[in-house]
Amino acid sequence: MKITDVKIIKVEGKNRCKGIATIVIDNCFAVNDIKIIESKKGLFVAMPSKVKPSGEFKDIAHPINSETRELIQKTILEEYKKI
């Protein structure tokens, strides 16, 4: 798997969300609304999710293994730091 494009929209303000990312995988599959969140430990990415009627959040798309999660997070945060 290769991430072939990353687009970031920076979010201004005092909330924890610092940006929204879209990635394209292998020039054929896009994942939108990946949030860039600031925590006490630094920045991390949160995959797109929706709120269920119970109030619980459920990921819409997410990596199946830790290697893929690390690749996605590293690629998005590197692009975020450029803007």
PDB file of N, CA and C in Angstrom:
ATOM      1  N   MET A   1       0.841  -1.181   0.000  1.00  0.00           N
ATOM      2  CA  MET A   1       0.000   0.000   0.000  1.00  0.00           C
ATOM      3  C   MET A   1       0.883   1.239   0.000  1.00  0.00           C
ATOM      4  N   LYS A   2       0.485   2.197  -0.820  1.00  0.00           N
ATOM      5  CA  LYS A   2       1.224   3.451  -0.871  1.00  0.00           C
ATOM      6  C   LYS A   2       0.232   4.607  -0.787  1.00  0.00           C
ATOM      7  N   ILE A   3       0.542   5.578   0.054  1.00  0.00           N
ATOM      8  CA  ILE A   3      -0.271   6.790   0.124  1.00  0.00           C
ATOM      9  C   ILE A   3       0.247   7.720  -0.955  1.00  0.00           C
ATOM     10  N   THR A   4      -0.601   7.988  -1.940  1.00  0.00           N
ATOM     11  CA  THR A   4      -0.150   8.727  -3.118  1.00  0.00           C
ATOM     12  C   THR A   4      -0.517  10.202  -3.088  1.00  0.00           C
ATOM     13  N   ASP A   5      -1.369  10.610  -2.157  1.00  0.00           N
ATOM     14  CA  ASP A   5      -1.712  12.031  -2.042  1.00  0.00           C
ATOM     15  C   ASP A   5      -2.220  12.302  -0.638  1.00  0.00           C
ATOM     16  N   VAL A   6      -1.884  13.485  -0.129  1.00  0.00           N
ATOM     17  CA  VAL A   6      -2.364  13.928   1.181  1.00  0.00           C
ATOM     18  C   VAL A   6      -2.768  15.390   1.049  1.00  0.00           C
ATOM     19  N   LYS A   7      -3.969  15.701   1.521  1.00  0.00           N
ATOM     20  CA  LYS A   7      -4.421  17.093   1.564  1.00  0.00           C
ATOM     21  C   LYS A   7      -4.815  17.403   3.002  1.00  0.00           C
ATOM     22  N   ILE A   8      -4.381  18.572   3.470  1.00  0.00           N
ATOM     23  CA  ILE A   8      -4.633  18.976   4.843  1.00  0.00           C
ATOM     24  C   ILE A   8      -5.343  20.330   4.842  1.00  0.00           C
ATOM     25  N   ILE A   9      -6.356  20.447   5.662  1.00  0.00           N
ATOM     26  CA  ILE A   9      -6.980  21.741   5.946  1.00  0.00           C
ATOM     27  C   ILE A   9      -6.693  22.032   7.412  1.00  0.00           C
ATOM     28  N   LYS A  10      -5.963  23.107   7.664  1.00  0.00           N
ATOM     29  CA  LYS A  10      -5.622  23.479   9.029  1.00  0.00           C
ATOM     30  C   LYS A  10      -6.842  24.106   9.703  1.00  0.00           C
ATOM     31  N   VAL A  11      -7.055  23.767  10.963  1.00  0.00           N
ATOM     32  CA  VAL A  11      -8.175  24.302  11.736  1.00  0.00           C
ATOM     33  C   VAL A  11      -7.607  25.244  12.782  1.00  0.00           C
ATOM     34  N   GLU A  12      -8.056  26.482  12.742  1.00  0.00           N
ATOM     35  CA  GLU A  12      -7.598  27.480  13.711  1.00  0.00           C
ATOM     36  C   GLU A  12      -8.533  27.486  14.914  1.00  0.00           C
ATOM     37  N   GLY A  13      -8.028  27.904  16.043  1.00  0.00           N
ATOM     38  CA  GLY A  13      -8.856  27.995  17.237  1.00  0.00           C
ATOM     39  C   GLY A  13      -8.206  27.289  18.405  1.00  0.00           C
ATOM     40  N   LYS A  14      -8.935  27.264  19.506  1.00  0.00           N
ATOM     41  CA  LYS A  14      -8.393  26.704  20.743  1.00  0.00           C
ATOM     42  C   LYS A  14      -8.833  25.270  21.003  1.00  0.00           C
ATOM     43  N   ASN A  15      -9.574  24.675  20.066  1.00  0.00           N
ATOM     44  CA  ASN A  15      -9.990  23.291  20.292  1.00  0.00           C
ATOM     45  C   ASN A  15      -8.844  22.327  19.990  1.00  0.00           C
ATOM     46  N   ARG A  16      -9.022  21.077  20.340  1.00  0.00           N
ATOM     47  CA  ARG A  16      -7.958  20.073  20.167  1.00  0.00           C
ATOM     48  C   ARG A  16      -7.756  19.662  18.722  1.00  0.00           C
ATOM     49  N   CYS A  17      -8.757  19.824  17.871  1.00  0.00           N
ATOM     50  CA  CYS A  17      -8.633  19.458  16.462  1.00  0.00           C
ATOM     51  C   CYS A  17      -7.820  20.529  15.734  1.00  0.00           C
ATOM     52  N   LYS A  18      -6.686  20.138  15.200  1.00  0.00           N
ATOM     53  CA  LYS A  18      -5.769  21.080  14.551  1.00  0.00           C
ATOM     54  C   LYS A  18      -5.837  21.033  13.032  1.00  0.00           C
ATOM     55  N   GLY A  19      -6.490  19.993  12.486  1.00  0.00           N
ATOM     56  CA  GLY A  19      -6.597  19.890  11.039  1.00  0.00           C
ATOM     57  C   GLY A  19      -7.451  18.706  10.631  1.00  0.00           C
ATOM     58  N   ILE A  20      -7.826  18.725   9.352  1.00  0.00           N
ATOM     59  CA  ILE A  20      -8.589  17.641   8.739  1.00  0.00           C
ATOM     60  C   ILE A  20      -7.805  17.192   7.511  1.00  0.00           C
ATOM     61  N   ALA A  21      -7.621  15.886   7.375  1.00  0.00           N
ATOM     62  CA  ALA A  21      -6.827  15.343   6.268  1.00  0.00           C
ATOM     63  C   ALA A  21      -7.671  14.447   5.375  1.00  0.00           C
ATOM     64  N   THR A  22      -7.267  14.411   4.109  1.00  0.00           N
ATOM     65  CA  THR A  22      -7.759  13.436   3.138  1.00  0.00           C
ATOM     66  C   THR A  22      -6.538  12.743   2.573  1.00  0.00           C
ATOM     67  N   ILE A  23      -6.584  11.417   2.510  1.00  0.00           N
ATOM     68  CA  ILE A  23      -5.494  10.678   1.877  1.00  0.00           C
ATOM     69  C   ILE A  23      -6.041   9.896   0.691  1.00  0.00           C
ATOM     70  N   VAL A  24      -5.150   9.662  -0.276  1.00  0.00           N
ATOM     71  CA  VAL A  24      -5.467   8.796  -1.410  1.00  0.00           C
ATOM     72  C   VAL A  24      -4.486   7.627  -1.356  1.00  0.00           C
ATOM     73  N   ILE A  25      -5.025   6.428  -1.453  1.00  0.00           N
ATOM     74  CA  ILE A  25      -4.222   5.216  -1.382  1.00  0.00           C
ATOM     75  C   ILE A  25      -4.125   4.609  -2.780  1.00  0.00           C
ATOM     76  N   ASP A  26      -2.885   4.384  -3.222  1.00  0.00           N
ATOM     77  CA  ASP A  26      -2.613   3.752  -4.518  1.00  0.00           C
ATOM     78  C   ASP A  26      -3.348   4.412  -5.684  1.00  0.00           C
ATOM     79  N   ASN A  27      -3.511   5.722  -5.629  1.00  0.00           N
ATOM     80  CA  ASN A  27      -4.188   6.495  -6.679  1.00  0.00           C
ATOM     81  C   ASN A  27      -5.595   5.987  -7.000  1.00  0.00           C
ATOM     82  N   CYS A  28      -6.224   5.257  -6.047  1.00  0.00           N
ATOM     83  CA  CYS A  28      -7.536   4.701  -6.394  1.00  0.00           C
ATOM     84  C   CYS A  28      -8.547   4.677  -5.252  1.00  0.00           C
ATOM     85  N   PHE A  29      -8.160   5.047  -4.026  1.00  0.00           N
ATOM     86  CA  PHE A  29      -9.109   4.996  -2.921  1.00  0.00           C
ATOM     87  C   PHE A  29      -8.835   6.163  -1.988  1.00  0.00           C
ATOM     88  N   ALA A  30      -9.864   6.968  -1.699  1.00  0.00           N
ATOM     89  CA  ALA A  30      -9.706   8.145  -0.840  1.00  0.00           C
ATOM     90  C   ALA A  30     -10.367   7.913   0.512  1.00  0.00           C
ATOM     91  N   VAL A  31      -9.722   8.432   1.548  1.00  0.00           N
ATOM     92  CA  VAL A  31     -10.298   8.448   2.892  1.00  0.00           C
ATOM     93  C   VAL A  31     -10.328   9.905   3.323  1.00  0.00           C
ATOM     94  N   ASN A  32     -11.535  10.412   3.592  1.00  0.00           N
ATOM     95  CA  ASN A  32     -11.739  11.811   3.977  1.00  0.00           C
ATOM     96  C   ASN A  32     -11.976  11.932   5.483  1.00  0.00           C
ATOM     97  N   ASP A  33     -11.873  13.151   5.958  1.00  0.00           N
ATOM     98  CA  ASP A  33     -12.243  13.504   7.346  1.00  0.00           C
ATOM     99  C   ASP A  33     -11.406  12.804   8.406  1.00  0.00           C
ATOM    100  N   ILE A  34     -10.123  12.642   8.147  1.00  0.00           N
ATOM    101  CA  ILE A  34      -9.207  12.140   9.169  1.00  0.00           C
ATOM    102  C   ILE A  34      -8.793  13.360   9.998  1.00  0.00           C
ATOM    103  N   LYS A  35      -9.040  13.299  11.288  1.00  0.00           N
ATOM    104  CA  LYS A  35      -8.763  14.452  12.153  1.00  0.00           C
ATOM    105  C   LYS A  35      -7.337  14.403  12.704  1.00  0.00           C
ATOM    106  N   ILE A  36      -6.718  15.573  12.776  1.00  0.00           N
ATOM    107  CA  ILE A  36      -5.414  15.724  13.414  1.00  0.00           C
ATOM    108  C   ILE A  36      -5.698  16.348  14.768  1.00  0.00           C
ATOM    109  N   ILE A  37      -5.407  15.596  15.839  1.00  0.00           N
ATOM    110  CA  ILE A  37      -5.780  15.978  17.194  1.00  0.00           C
ATOM    111  C   ILE A  37      -4.524  16.242  18.015  1.00  0.00           C
ATOM    112  N   GLU A  38      -4.611  17.286  18.859  1.00  0.00           N
ATOM    113  CA  GLU A  38      -3.509  17.584  19.780  1.00  0.00           C
ATOM    114  C   GLU A  38      -3.860  17.042  21.160  1.00  0.00           C
ATOM    115  N   SER A  39      -2.945  16.250  21.719  1.00  0.00           N
ATOM    116  CA  SER A  39      -3.130  15.727  23.069  1.00  0.00           C
ATOM    117  C   SER A  39      -1.935  16.139  23.922  1.00  0.00           C
ATOM    118  N   LYS A  40      -1.954  15.754  25.169  1.00  0.00           N
ATOM    119  CA  LYS A  40      -0.822  16.057  26.060  1.00  0.00           C
ATOM    120  C   LYS A  40       0.459  15.394  25.573  1.00  0.00           C
ATOM    121  N   LYS A  41       0.332  14.279  24.845  1.00  0.00           N
ATOM    122  CA  LYS A  41       1.502  13.553  24.337  1.00  0.00           C
ATOM    123  C   LYS A  41       1.921  14.014  22.953  1.00  0.00           C
ATOM    124  N   GLY A  42       1.192  14.949  22.347  1.00  0.00           N
ATOM    125  CA  GLY A  42       1.519  15.426  21.008  1.00  0.00           C
ATOM    126  C   GLY A  42       0.384  15.184  20.038  1.00  0.00           C
ATOM    127  N   LEU A  43       0.690  15.327  18.751  1.00  0.00           N
ATOM    128  CA  LEU A  43      -0.324  15.167  17.714  1.00  0.00           C
ATOM    129  C   LEU A  43      -0.550  13.692  17.376  1.00  0.00           C
ATOM    130  N   PHE A  44      -1.795  13.364  17.033  1.00  0.00           N
ATOM    131  CA  PHE A  44      -2.118  12.040  16.528  1.00  0.00           C
ATOM    132  C   PHE A  44      -3.274  12.176  15.556  1.00  0.00           C
ATOM    133  N   VAL A  45      -3.538  11.138  14.785  1.00  0.00           N
ATOM    134  CA  VAL A  45      -4.654  11.175  13.844  1.00  0.00           C
ATOM    135  C   VAL A  45      -5.791  10.294  14.353  1.00  0.00           C
ATOM    136  N   ALA A  46      -7.011  10.756  14.109  1.00  0.00           N
ATOM    137  CA  ALA A  46      -8.225  10.013  14.460  1.00  0.00           C
ATOM    138  C   ALA A  46      -8.971   9.732  13.167  1.00  0.00           C
ATOM    139  N   MET A  47      -9.267   8.482  12.943  1.00  0.00           N
ATOM    140  CA  MET A  47      -9.935   8.078  11.709  1.00  0.00           C
ATOM    141  C   MET A  47     -11.374   8.600  11.688  1.00  0.00           C
ATOM    142  N   PRO A  48     -11.959   8.736  10.486  1.00  0.00           N
ATOM    143  CA  PRO A  48     -13.325   9.247  10.385  1.00  0.00           C
ATOM    144  C   PRO A  48     -14.303   8.342  11.135  1.00  0.00           C
ATOM    145  N   SER A  49     -15.268   8.976  11.797  1.00  0.00           N
ATOM    146  CA  SER A  49     -16.223   8.199  12.581  1.00  0.00           C
ATOM    147  C   SER A  49     -17.595   8.853  12.531  1.00  0.00           C
ATOM    148  N   LYS A  50     -18.574   8.112  13.012  1.00  0.00           N
ATOM    149  CA  LYS A  50     -19.935   8.644  13.121  1.00  0.00           C
ATOM    150  C   LYS A  50     -20.450   8.315  14.509  1.00  0.00           C
ATOM    151  N   VAL A  51     -21.464   9.056  14.935  1.00  0.00           N
ATOM    152  CA  VAL A  51     -22.062   8.828  16.241  1.00  0.00           C
ATOM    153  C   VAL A  51     -23.275   7.918  16.063  1.00  0.00           C
ATOM    154  N   LYS A  52     -23.282   6.834  16.813  1.00  0.00           N
ATOM    155  CA  LYS A  52     -24.408   5.904  16.786  1.00  0.00           C
ATOM    156  C   LYS A  52     -25.535   6.463  17.664  1.00  0.00           C
ATOM    157  N   PRO A  53     -26.758   5.993  17.507  1.00  0.00           N
ATOM    158  CA  PRO A  53     -27.862   6.485  18.337  1.00  0.00           C
ATOM    159  C   PRO A  53     -27.588   6.387  19.842  1.00  0.00           C
ATOM    160  N   SER A  54     -26.739   5.454  20.244  1.00  0.00           N
ATOM    161  CA  SER A  54     -26.398   5.296  21.665  1.00  0.00           C
ATOM    162  C   SER A  54     -25.429   6.371  22.158  1.00  0.00           C
ATOM    163  N   GLY A  55     -24.893   7.190  21.228  1.00  0.00           N
ATOM    164  CA  GLY A  55     -23.908   8.204  21.589  1.00  0.00           C
ATOM    165  C   GLY A  55     -22.475   7.716  21.431  1.00  0.00           C
ATOM    166  N   GLU A  56     -22.302   6.442  21.152  1.00  0.00           N
ATOM    167  CA  GLU A  56     -20.983   5.850  20.953  1.00  0.00           C
ATOM    168  C   GLU A  56     -20.448   6.225  19.573  1.00  0.00           C
ATOM    169  N   PHE A  57     -19.131   6.480  19.489  1.00  0.00           N
ATOM    170  CA  PHE A  57     -18.494   6.757  18.207  1.00  0.00           C
ATOM    171  C   PHE A  57     -18.061   5.447  17.566  1.00  0.00           C
ATOM    172  N   LYS A  58     -18.266   5.334  16.254  1.00  0.00           N
ATOM    173  CA  LYS A  58     -17.896   4.135  15.495  1.00  0.00           C
ATOM    174  C   LYS A  58     -17.070   4.572  14.293  1.00  0.00           C
ATOM    175  N   ASP A  59     -15.845   4.014  14.151  1.00  0.00           N
ATOM    176  CA  ASP A  59     -15.011   4.336  12.994  1.00  0.00           C
ATOM    177  C   ASP A  59     -15.707   3.919  11.705  1.00  0.00           C
ATOM    178  N   ILE A  60     -15.634   4.783  10.702  1.00  0.00           N
ATOM    179  CA  ILE A  60     -16.168   4.478   9.377  1.00  0.00           C
ATOM    180  C   ILE A  60     -15.122   3.715   8.572  1.00  0.00           C
ATOM    181  N   ALA A  61     -13.876   4.133   8.701  1.00  0.00           N
ATOM    182  CA  ALA A  61     -12.749   3.474   8.033  1.00  0.00           C
ATOM    183  C   ALA A  61     -11.591   3.483   9.020  1.00  0.00           C
ATOM    184  N   HIS A  62     -10.837   2.394   9.031  1.00  0.00           N
ATOM    185  CA  HIS A  62      -9.696   2.338   9.936  1.00  0.00           C
ATOM    186  C   HIS A  62      -8.700   1.296   9.462  1.00  0.00           C
ATOM    187  N   PRO A  63      -7.408   1.480   9.828  1.00  0.00           N
ATOM    188  CA  PRO A  63      -6.390   0.502   9.464  1.00  0.00           C
ATOM    189  C   PRO A  63      -6.608  -0.802  10.234  1.00  0.00           C
ATOM    190  N   ILE A  64      -6.279  -1.901   9.611  1.00  0.00           N
ATOM    191  CA  ILE A  64      -6.451  -3.216  10.223  1.00  0.00           C
ATOM    192  C   ILE A  64      -5.251  -3.608  11.102  1.00  0.00           C
ATOM    193  N   ASN A  65      -4.075  -3.058  10.798  1.00  0.00           N
ATOM    194  CA  ASN A  65      -2.895  -3.427  11.588  1.00  0.00           C
ATOM    195  C   ASN A  65      -2.101  -2.183  11.987  1.00  0.00           C
ATOM    196  N   SER A  66      -1.193  -2.372  12.944  1.00  0.00           N
ATOM    197  CA  SER A  66      -0.445  -1.237  13.490  1.00  0.00           C
ATOM    198  C   SER A  66       0.525  -0.631  12.471  1.00  0.00           C
ATOM    199  N   GLU A  67       1.059  -1.437  11.566  1.00  0.00           N
ATOM    200  CA  GLU A  67       1.986  -0.909  10.569  1.00  0.00           C
ATOM    201  C   GLU A  67       1.277   0.091   9.647  1.00  0.00           C
ATOM    202  N   THR A  68       0.066  -0.241   9.255  1.00  0.00           N
ATOM    203  CA  THR A  68      -0.690   0.653   8.379  1.00  0.00           C
ATOM    204  C   THR A  68      -1.080   1.924   9.130  1.00  0.00           C
ATOM    205  N   ARG A  69      -1.495   1.779  10.380  1.00  0.00           N
ATOM    206  CA  ARG A  69      -1.835   2.956  11.196  1.00  0.00           C
ATOM    207  C   ARG A  69      -0.625   3.876  11.315  1.00  0.00           C
ATOM    208  N   GLU A  70       0.529   3.319  11.595  1.00  0.00           N
ATOM    209  CA  GLU A  70       1.744   4.121  11.729  1.00  0.00           C
ATOM    210  C   GLU A  70       2.086   4.831  10.422  1.00  0.00           C
ATOM    211  N   LEU A  71       1.952   4.138   9.289  1.00  0.00           N
ATOM    212  CA  LEU A  71       2.225   4.750   7.987  1.00  0.00           C
ATOM    213  C   LEU A  71       1.286   5.924   7.737  1.00  0.00           C
ATOM    214  N   ILE A  72       0.010   5.727   7.982  1.00  0.00           N
ATOM    215  CA  ILE A  72      -0.974   6.797   7.765  1.00  0.00           C
ATOM    216  C   ILE A  72      -0.679   7.983   8.677  1.00  0.00           C
ATOM    217  N   GLN A  73      -0.472   7.721   9.956  1.00  0.00           N
ATOM    218  CA  GLN A  73      -0.213   8.803  10.906  1.00  0.00           C
ATOM    219  C   GLN A  73       1.066   9.560  10.560  1.00  0.00           C
ATOM    220  N   LYS A  74       2.143   8.831  10.278  1.00  0.00           N
ATOM    221  CA  LYS A  74       3.424   9.469   9.945  1.00  0.00           C
ATOM    222  C   LYS A  74       3.290  10.350   8.705  1.00  0.00           C
ATOM    223  N   THR A  75       2.643   9.837   7.675  1.00  0.00           N
ATOM    224  CA  THR A  75       2.500  10.577   6.427  1.00  0.00           C
ATOM    225  C   THR A  75       1.661  11.845   6.627  1.00  0.00           C
ATOM    226  N   ILE A  76       0.561  11.727   7.339  1.00  0.00           N
ATOM    227  CA  ILE A  76      -0.308  12.888   7.570  1.00  0.00           C
ATOM    228  C   ILE A  76       0.399  13.925   8.427  1.00  0.00           C
ATOM    229  N   LEU A  77       1.040  13.506   9.514  1.00  0.00           N
ATOM    230  CA  LEU A  77       1.692  14.478  10.403  1.00  0.00           C
ATOM    231  C   LEU A  77       2.888  15.148   9.733  1.00  0.00           C
ATOM    232  N   GLU A  78       3.617  14.438   8.882  1.00  0.00           N
ATOM    233  CA  GLU A  78       4.706  15.072   8.136  1.00  0.00           C
ATOM    234  C   GLU A  78       4.164  16.173   7.217  1.00  0.00           C
ATOM    235  N   GLU A  79       3.053  15.895   6.554  1.00  0.00           N
ATOM    236  CA  GLU A  79       2.448  16.896   5.665  1.00  0.00           C
ATOM    237  C   GLU A  79       1.891  18.076   6.468  1.00  0.00           C
ATOM    238  N   TYR A  80       1.300  17.788   7.609  1.00  0.00           N
ATOM    239  CA  TYR A  80       0.754  18.837   8.479  1.00  0.00           C
ATOM    240  C   TYR A  80       1.857  19.803   8.933  1.00  0.00           C
ATOM    241  N   LYS A  81       3.006  19.279   9.272  1.00  0.00           N
ATOM    242  CA  LYS A  81       4.110  20.113   9.757  1.00  0.00           C
ATOM    243  C   LYS A  81       4.668  21.018   8.667  1.00  0.00           C
ATOM    244  N   LYS A  82       4.390  20.706   7.397  1.00  0.00           N
ATOM    245  CA  LYS A  82       4.862  21.556   6.288  1.00  0.00           C
ATOM    246  C   LYS A  82       4.027  22.828   6.123  1.00  0.00           C
ATOM    247  N   ILE A  83       2.800  22.804   6.655  1.00  0.00           N
ATOM    248  CA  ILE A  83       1.927  23.973   6.446  1.00  0.00           C
ATOM    249  C   ILE A  83       1.860  24.865   7.669  1.00  0.00           C
TER     250      ILE A  83
END
